[in-house]
N, C-alpha and C. Protein backbone atom coordinates (compact mmCIF):
# COMPACT_ATOMS: atom_id res chain seq x y z
N MET A 1 39.73 53.44 19.92
CA MET A 1 40.86 52.54 19.75
C MET A 1 42.14 53.37 19.57
N ILE A 2 43.16 52.99 20.25
CA ILE A 2 44.46 53.66 20.14
C ILE A 2 45.23 53.07 18.97
N ILE A 3 45.75 53.93 18.11
CA ILE A 3 46.62 53.49 17.03
C ILE A 3 48.05 53.66 17.55
N SER A 4 48.75 52.57 17.70
CA SER A 4 50.10 52.61 18.26
C SER A 4 51.15 52.70 17.16
N ALA A 5 52.37 52.99 17.57
CA ALA A 5 53.50 52.99 16.63
C ALA A 5 53.67 51.61 16.01
N LEU A 6 53.38 50.57 16.80
CA LEU A 6 53.49 49.21 16.28
C LEU A 6 52.47 48.98 15.17
N ASP A 7 51.25 49.49 15.34
CA ASP A 7 50.22 49.35 14.30
C ASP A 7 50.68 49.98 12.99
N ILE A 8 51.25 51.17 13.08
CA ILE A 8 51.71 51.88 11.89
C ILE A 8 52.86 51.12 11.23
N ARG A 9 53.81 50.66 12.03
CA ARG A 9 54.92 49.91 11.47
C ARG A 9 54.47 48.58 10.87
N MET A 10 53.46 47.97 11.48
CA MET A 10 52.94 46.70 10.96
C MET A 10 52.34 46.90 9.57
N LYS A 11 51.61 47.98 9.36
CA LYS A 11 51.05 48.27 8.03
C LYS A 11 52.18 48.41 7.00
N ARG A 12 53.22 49.14 7.37
CA ARG A 12 54.36 49.33 6.45
C ARG A 12 55.08 48.01 6.22
N ALA A 13 55.20 47.21 7.26
CA ALA A 13 55.85 45.90 7.15
C ALA A 13 55.08 44.98 6.21
N GLN A 14 53.74 45.02 6.31
CA GLN A 14 52.91 44.21 5.42
C GLN A 14 53.15 44.59 3.96
N LYS A 15 53.30 45.88 3.72
CA LYS A 15 53.56 46.36 2.36
C LYS A 15 54.93 45.88 1.87
N ILE A 16 55.94 45.98 2.72
CA ILE A 16 57.27 45.51 2.35
C ILE A 16 57.24 44.01 2.05
N ALA A 17 56.60 43.23 2.93
CA ALA A 17 56.54 41.78 2.74
C ALA A 17 55.79 41.41 1.46
N ALA A 18 54.75 42.17 1.13
CA ALA A 18 53.94 41.86 -0.05
C ALA A 18 54.61 42.29 -1.36
N GLU A 19 55.36 43.39 -1.32
CA GLU A 19 55.86 43.98 -2.56
C GLU A 19 57.35 43.79 -2.83
N HIS A 20 58.11 43.40 -1.82
CA HIS A 20 59.57 43.28 -1.98
C HIS A 20 60.02 41.88 -1.61
N GLY A 21 61.08 41.43 -2.22
CA GLY A 21 61.61 40.11 -1.89
C GLY A 21 62.46 40.17 -0.62
N ILE A 22 62.09 39.36 0.37
CA ILE A 22 62.86 39.26 1.60
C ILE A 22 63.62 37.94 1.55
N GLN A 23 64.90 38.00 1.74
CA GLN A 23 65.74 36.81 1.64
C GLN A 23 66.27 36.41 3.01
N PHE A 24 66.62 35.14 3.15
CA PHE A 24 67.28 34.65 4.35
C PHE A 24 68.67 34.21 3.98
N ASP A 25 69.66 34.76 4.65
CA ASP A 25 71.07 34.41 4.45
C ASP A 25 71.41 33.33 5.47
N ALA A 26 71.38 32.07 5.05
CA ALA A 26 71.60 30.95 5.97
C ALA A 26 73.02 30.94 6.52
N THR A 27 73.98 31.43 5.75
CA THR A 27 75.37 31.45 6.21
C THR A 27 75.53 32.33 7.45
N LEU A 28 74.87 33.47 7.46
CA LEU A 28 74.99 34.42 8.58
C LEU A 28 73.76 34.43 9.48
N ALA A 29 72.77 33.57 9.19
CA ALA A 29 71.54 33.47 9.97
C ALA A 29 70.87 34.83 10.15
N ARG A 30 70.66 35.51 9.03
CA ARG A 30 69.99 36.82 9.08
C ARG A 30 69.13 37.00 7.84
N PHE A 31 68.18 37.90 7.96
CA PHE A 31 67.29 38.23 6.86
C PHE A 31 67.81 39.49 6.17
N ILE A 32 67.60 39.55 4.87
CA ILE A 32 67.94 40.74 4.08
C ILE A 32 66.59 41.34 3.67
N VAL A 33 66.30 42.53 4.22
CA VAL A 33 65.00 43.17 3.99
C VAL A 33 65.23 44.48 3.25
N PRO A 34 64.61 44.63 2.08
CA PRO A 34 64.78 45.87 1.33
C PRO A 34 64.13 47.05 2.06
N SER A 35 64.67 48.24 1.81
CA SER A 35 64.03 49.44 2.34
C SER A 35 62.69 49.60 1.63
N GLN A 36 61.77 50.29 2.28
CA GLN A 36 60.44 50.46 1.69
C GLN A 36 60.51 51.26 0.40
N THR A 37 61.47 52.17 0.30
CA THR A 37 61.61 53.00 -0.90
C THR A 37 62.36 52.27 -2.01
N GLY A 38 62.98 51.13 -1.68
CA GLY A 38 63.75 50.39 -2.67
C GLY A 38 65.18 50.87 -2.81
N ASN A 39 65.57 51.80 -1.97
CA ASN A 39 66.94 52.35 -2.02
C ASN A 39 67.80 51.74 -0.93
N GLY A 40 68.18 50.50 -1.10
CA GLY A 40 69.03 49.85 -0.11
C GLY A 40 68.32 48.69 0.57
N GLU A 41 69.02 48.13 1.53
CA GLU A 41 68.48 46.99 2.27
C GLU A 41 69.06 46.99 3.68
N TYR A 42 68.40 46.25 4.55
CA TYR A 42 68.81 46.18 5.95
C TYR A 42 68.98 44.73 6.36
N ARG A 43 69.85 44.50 7.31
CA ARG A 43 70.11 43.17 7.86
C ARG A 43 69.27 43.01 9.13
N VAL A 44 68.52 41.92 9.21
CA VAL A 44 67.65 41.67 10.35
C VAL A 44 68.00 40.31 10.96
N VAL A 45 68.19 40.29 12.27
CA VAL A 45 68.42 39.06 13.01
C VAL A 45 67.22 38.84 13.93
N ILE A 46 66.69 37.64 13.89
CA ILE A 46 65.53 37.29 14.70
C ILE A 46 65.80 35.96 15.40
N GLU A 47 65.51 35.91 16.68
CA GLU A 47 65.60 34.65 17.42
C GLU A 47 64.32 34.46 18.21
N THR A 48 63.87 33.21 18.29
CA THR A 48 62.68 32.88 19.07
C THR A 48 63.02 31.77 20.06
N ASP A 49 62.25 31.69 21.12
CA ASP A 49 62.39 30.62 22.09
C ASP A 49 61.93 29.32 21.43
N GLN A 50 62.76 28.29 21.48
CA GLN A 50 62.45 27.04 20.80
C GLN A 50 61.22 26.34 21.37
N GLU A 51 60.91 26.56 22.64
CA GLU A 51 59.76 25.89 23.25
C GLU A 51 58.47 26.68 23.07
N THR A 52 58.51 27.98 23.28
CA THR A 52 57.28 28.78 23.24
C THR A 52 57.03 29.44 21.89
N GLY A 53 58.09 29.65 21.12
CA GLY A 53 57.96 30.36 19.86
C GLY A 53 57.97 31.87 20.02
N TRP A 54 58.07 32.35 21.26
CA TRP A 54 58.06 33.79 21.51
C TRP A 54 59.36 34.42 21.04
N LEU A 55 59.25 35.61 20.56
CA LEU A 55 60.40 36.38 20.12
C LEU A 55 61.32 36.66 21.32
N THR A 56 62.61 36.34 21.17
CA THR A 56 63.57 36.59 22.25
C THR A 56 64.62 37.62 21.86
N ARG A 57 64.79 37.85 20.57
CA ARG A 57 65.79 38.82 20.11
C ARG A 57 65.41 39.27 18.71
N ALA A 58 65.56 40.55 18.46
CA ALA A 58 65.38 41.11 17.12
C ALA A 58 66.32 42.29 16.98
N GLU A 59 66.99 42.35 15.87
CA GLU A 59 67.89 43.47 15.59
C GLU A 59 67.80 43.82 14.11
N CYS A 60 67.98 45.11 13.82
CA CYS A 60 67.98 45.58 12.44
C CYS A 60 69.03 46.67 12.31
N THR A 61 69.58 46.81 11.12
CA THR A 61 70.62 47.82 10.89
C THR A 61 70.05 49.18 10.51
N CYS A 62 68.71 49.33 10.49
CA CYS A 62 68.13 50.62 10.09
C CYS A 62 68.17 51.63 11.24
N PRO A 63 68.15 52.93 10.91
CA PRO A 63 68.16 53.98 11.94
C PRO A 63 66.93 53.96 12.85
N ASP A 64 65.77 53.57 12.32
CA ASP A 64 64.56 53.53 13.14
C ASP A 64 64.69 52.50 14.25
N TYR A 65 65.30 51.34 13.95
CA TYR A 65 65.50 50.32 14.98
C TYR A 65 66.40 50.87 16.09
N ALA A 66 67.48 51.52 15.72
CA ALA A 66 68.41 52.08 16.72
C ALA A 66 67.69 53.09 17.61
N ARG A 67 66.86 53.92 17.01
CA ARG A 67 66.10 54.93 17.77
C ARG A 67 65.09 54.26 18.71
N THR A 68 64.37 53.27 18.19
CA THR A 68 63.38 52.56 19.00
C THR A 68 64.05 51.81 20.15
N LYS A 69 65.18 51.18 19.88
CA LYS A 69 65.91 50.46 20.92
C LYS A 69 66.34 51.42 22.03
N ALA A 70 66.86 52.58 21.65
CA ALA A 70 67.29 53.58 22.64
C ALA A 70 66.10 54.07 23.48
N GLU A 71 64.96 54.31 22.83
CA GLU A 71 63.76 54.75 23.56
C GLU A 71 63.30 53.68 24.55
N LEU A 72 63.34 52.43 24.12
CA LEU A 72 62.90 51.34 24.99
C LEU A 72 63.87 51.16 26.17
N GLU A 73 65.16 51.24 25.90
CA GLU A 73 66.15 51.13 26.98
C GLU A 73 65.98 52.27 27.97
N ASP A 74 65.74 53.47 27.48
CA ASP A 74 65.52 54.62 28.36
C ASP A 74 64.25 54.39 29.20
N HIS A 75 63.21 53.91 28.57
CA HIS A 75 61.96 53.66 29.30
C HIS A 75 62.19 52.67 30.44
N PHE A 76 62.82 51.52 30.12
CA PHE A 76 63.02 50.49 31.14
C PHE A 76 64.07 50.87 32.18
N SER A 77 64.86 51.89 31.91
CA SER A 77 65.80 52.35 32.94
C SER A 77 65.08 53.12 34.04
N HIS A 78 63.84 53.53 33.78
CA HIS A 78 63.06 54.30 34.74
C HIS A 78 61.90 53.52 35.36
N THR A 79 61.43 52.48 34.66
CA THR A 79 60.25 51.75 35.14
C THR A 79 60.23 50.35 34.53
N SER A 80 59.50 49.46 35.17
CA SER A 80 59.33 48.11 34.61
C SER A 80 57.95 47.97 33.97
N GLU A 81 57.17 49.04 33.98
CA GLU A 81 55.84 49.01 33.37
C GLU A 81 55.94 48.98 31.85
N ALA A 82 54.87 48.51 31.22
CA ALA A 82 54.83 48.43 29.76
C ALA A 82 55.01 49.82 29.15
N PRO A 83 55.77 49.91 28.08
CA PRO A 83 55.97 51.21 27.42
C PRO A 83 54.68 51.76 26.82
N HIS A 84 54.65 53.06 26.61
CA HIS A 84 53.50 53.70 25.99
C HIS A 84 53.40 53.26 24.53
N PRO A 85 52.23 53.47 23.90
CA PRO A 85 52.02 53.01 22.53
C PRO A 85 52.92 53.66 21.47
N GLY A 86 53.70 54.65 21.85
CA GLY A 86 54.59 55.30 20.90
C GLY A 86 55.89 54.56 20.68
N ILE A 87 56.15 53.51 21.47
CA ILE A 87 57.38 52.73 21.31
C ILE A 87 57.00 51.35 20.77
N SER A 88 57.52 51.03 19.59
CA SER A 88 57.21 49.74 18.96
C SER A 88 58.03 48.63 19.58
N HIS A 89 57.32 47.64 20.12
CA HIS A 89 58.01 46.50 20.70
C HIS A 89 57.08 45.30 20.74
N ILE A 90 57.67 44.13 20.86
CA ILE A 90 56.93 42.89 21.09
C ILE A 90 57.56 42.29 22.34
N ASP A 91 56.79 42.19 23.39
CA ASP A 91 57.27 41.65 24.66
C ASP A 91 58.54 42.34 25.15
N GLY A 92 58.62 43.65 24.95
CA GLY A 92 59.77 44.42 25.42
C GLY A 92 60.97 44.37 24.50
N ILE A 93 60.83 43.74 23.35
CA ILE A 93 61.92 43.66 22.36
C ILE A 93 61.62 44.68 21.27
N PRO A 94 62.55 45.63 21.04
CA PRO A 94 62.29 46.65 20.03
C PRO A 94 62.14 46.06 18.64
N VAL A 95 61.20 46.63 17.87
CA VAL A 95 61.01 46.19 16.49
C VAL A 95 60.81 47.40 15.59
N CYS A 96 61.21 47.24 14.35
CA CYS A 96 60.99 48.24 13.31
C CYS A 96 60.20 47.56 12.20
N LYS A 97 59.87 48.30 11.15
CA LYS A 97 59.09 47.71 10.06
C LYS A 97 59.85 46.59 9.34
N HIS A 98 61.18 46.65 9.35
CA HIS A 98 61.97 45.61 8.66
C HIS A 98 61.95 44.30 9.46
N VAL A 99 62.05 44.41 10.78
CA VAL A 99 61.92 43.22 11.64
C VAL A 99 60.53 42.62 11.46
N LEU A 100 59.51 43.46 11.50
CA LEU A 100 58.14 42.98 11.34
C LEU A 100 57.92 42.35 9.96
N ALA A 101 58.50 42.94 8.92
CA ALA A 101 58.37 42.38 7.57
C ALA A 101 58.99 40.99 7.49
N ALA A 102 60.16 40.81 8.12
CA ALA A 102 60.79 39.49 8.14
C ALA A 102 59.93 38.50 8.91
N LEU A 103 59.36 38.93 10.03
CA LEU A 103 58.48 38.06 10.81
C LEU A 103 57.23 37.67 10.01
N ILE A 104 56.67 38.63 9.28
CA ILE A 104 55.49 38.34 8.44
C ILE A 104 55.85 37.37 7.33
N GLU A 105 56.90 37.68 6.61
CA GLU A 105 57.29 36.89 5.44
C GLU A 105 57.57 35.43 5.78
N PHE A 106 58.16 35.21 6.93
CA PHE A 106 58.57 33.85 7.27
C PHE A 106 57.69 33.18 8.32
N GLY A 107 56.44 33.67 8.46
CA GLY A 107 55.43 32.92 9.17
C GLY A 107 55.27 33.13 10.65
N TYR A 108 55.90 34.11 11.25
CA TYR A 108 55.76 34.30 12.69
C TYR A 108 54.34 34.71 13.07
N PHE A 109 53.73 35.57 12.27
CA PHE A 109 52.38 36.05 12.56
C PHE A 109 51.37 35.21 11.81
N LYS A 110 50.72 34.28 12.51
CA LYS A 110 49.71 33.44 11.86
C LYS A 110 48.40 33.46 12.60
N ALA A 111 48.36 32.99 13.84
CA ALA A 111 47.10 32.92 14.59
C ALA A 111 46.88 34.22 15.33
N PRO A 112 45.73 34.86 15.15
CA PRO A 112 45.49 36.13 15.83
C PRO A 112 45.48 35.99 17.35
N PHE A 113 46.02 36.97 18.01
CA PHE A 113 45.92 37.08 19.46
C PHE A 113 46.09 38.54 19.83
N LEU A 114 45.66 38.89 21.00
CA LEU A 114 45.84 40.26 21.47
C LEU A 114 47.20 40.39 22.11
N LEU A 115 47.96 41.37 21.69
CA LEU A 115 49.26 41.59 22.33
C LEU A 115 49.09 41.86 23.81
N SER A 116 47.95 42.39 24.21
CA SER A 116 47.73 42.66 25.62
C SER A 116 47.79 41.37 26.44
N ASP A 117 47.53 40.24 25.83
CA ASP A 117 47.62 38.96 26.54
C ASP A 117 49.05 38.69 26.98
N ARG A 118 50.03 39.22 26.25
CA ARG A 118 51.42 38.96 26.57
C ARG A 118 52.16 40.19 27.07
N GLN A 119 51.66 41.39 26.79
CA GLN A 119 52.39 42.60 27.16
C GLN A 119 51.80 43.32 28.35
N GLY A 120 50.69 42.90 28.83
CA GLY A 120 50.07 43.61 29.95
C GLY A 120 49.05 44.61 29.45
N ALA A 121 48.39 45.26 30.37
CA ALA A 121 47.33 46.20 30.03
C ALA A 121 47.86 47.35 29.19
N GLY A 122 47.01 47.85 28.36
CA GLY A 122 47.38 49.02 27.56
C GLY A 122 47.51 48.72 26.09
N ALA A 123 47.83 47.49 25.71
CA ALA A 123 47.92 47.16 24.30
C ALA A 123 46.52 46.81 23.83
N THR A 124 46.03 47.52 22.83
CA THR A 124 44.65 47.33 22.43
C THR A 124 44.49 46.80 21.01
N HIS A 125 45.55 46.60 20.32
CA HIS A 125 45.43 46.16 18.93
C HIS A 125 45.63 44.66 18.82
N THR A 126 45.18 44.13 17.71
CA THR A 126 45.32 42.71 17.45
C THR A 126 46.42 42.51 16.42
N THR A 127 47.22 41.53 16.65
CA THR A 127 48.23 41.14 15.68
C THR A 127 48.25 39.62 15.67
N GLY A 128 49.30 39.01 15.26
CA GLY A 128 49.29 37.56 15.19
C GLY A 128 50.50 36.95 15.80
N GLY A 129 50.50 35.66 15.99
CA GLY A 129 51.66 35.01 16.53
C GLY A 129 51.62 33.52 16.28
N ALA A 130 52.61 33.03 15.65
CA ALA A 130 52.88 31.61 15.55
C ALA A 130 54.38 31.57 15.66
N LEU A 131 55.04 30.63 15.11
CA LEU A 131 56.47 30.70 15.29
C LEU A 131 57.24 30.41 14.03
N CYS A 132 58.35 31.04 13.97
CA CYS A 132 59.28 30.86 12.87
C CYS A 132 60.65 30.87 13.51
N HIS A 133 61.24 29.71 13.66
CA HIS A 133 62.53 29.63 14.33
C HIS A 133 63.65 29.89 13.34
N SER A 134 64.41 30.95 13.58
CA SER A 134 65.52 31.25 12.68
C SER A 134 66.53 30.12 12.67
N SER A 135 66.63 29.35 13.76
CA SER A 135 67.57 28.23 13.78
C SER A 135 67.14 27.14 12.79
N ASN A 136 65.82 26.98 12.59
CA ASN A 136 65.36 26.02 11.59
C ASN A 136 65.85 26.43 10.21
N LEU A 137 65.77 27.72 9.93
CA LEU A 137 66.22 28.22 8.63
C LEU A 137 67.72 28.05 8.49
N ALA A 138 68.45 28.38 9.56
CA ALA A 138 69.91 28.30 9.51
C ALA A 138 70.37 26.85 9.34
N ASN A 139 69.70 25.93 10.01
CA ASN A 139 70.12 24.52 9.96
C ASN A 139 69.84 23.88 8.62
N THR A 140 68.78 24.32 7.93
CA THR A 140 68.40 23.70 6.66
C THR A 140 68.89 24.48 5.45
N GLY A 141 69.26 25.74 5.67
CA GLY A 141 69.64 26.58 4.54
C GLY A 141 68.43 27.01 3.74
N SER A 142 67.24 26.75 4.26
CA SER A 142 66.00 27.08 3.57
C SER A 142 65.74 28.57 3.58
N THR A 143 64.95 29.03 2.63
CA THR A 143 64.53 30.42 2.64
C THR A 143 63.05 30.54 2.99
N SER A 144 62.46 29.45 3.48
CA SER A 144 61.09 29.52 3.94
C SER A 144 61.02 28.92 5.34
N CYS A 145 60.02 29.34 6.09
CA CYS A 145 59.91 28.94 7.49
C CYS A 145 59.20 27.62 7.62
N ARG A 146 59.65 26.81 8.56
CA ARG A 146 58.96 25.60 8.94
C ARG A 146 58.59 25.72 10.39
N THR A 147 57.37 25.38 10.72
CA THR A 147 57.01 25.38 12.12
C THR A 147 57.27 23.98 12.67
N PRO A 148 57.76 23.89 13.91
CA PRO A 148 58.09 22.58 14.47
C PRO A 148 56.85 21.74 14.73
């Protein structure tokens, strides 16, 4: 079994979600995710498709997200094939542990599925997917996710 960068970040994200308080800022429609070390916090924006629940946009203010985004953009500038397991992404959208922690905390990952079902051959790990629409949170001012 291949251990991908996404697998490693998912483990760290689970720890952040379990041990640190993740908040949703309804005014700015973004999540506030503490750093894993507790020294600071990052702003995370997540958007999903209202019909499918699939992730359509994710951004984070951390340096790892910027690096991952640049790697993914470089990869897709040369090929349309799925990136190698060293680049963390969900359906071609770059993710870091803070994005994943926000997705975990607010219910995006619920029913298990193989990422290979949505990303093409090469993804061998199992993760989860349900939906958490950031617009639902923004519209209600809630700090918890509701599934439609």
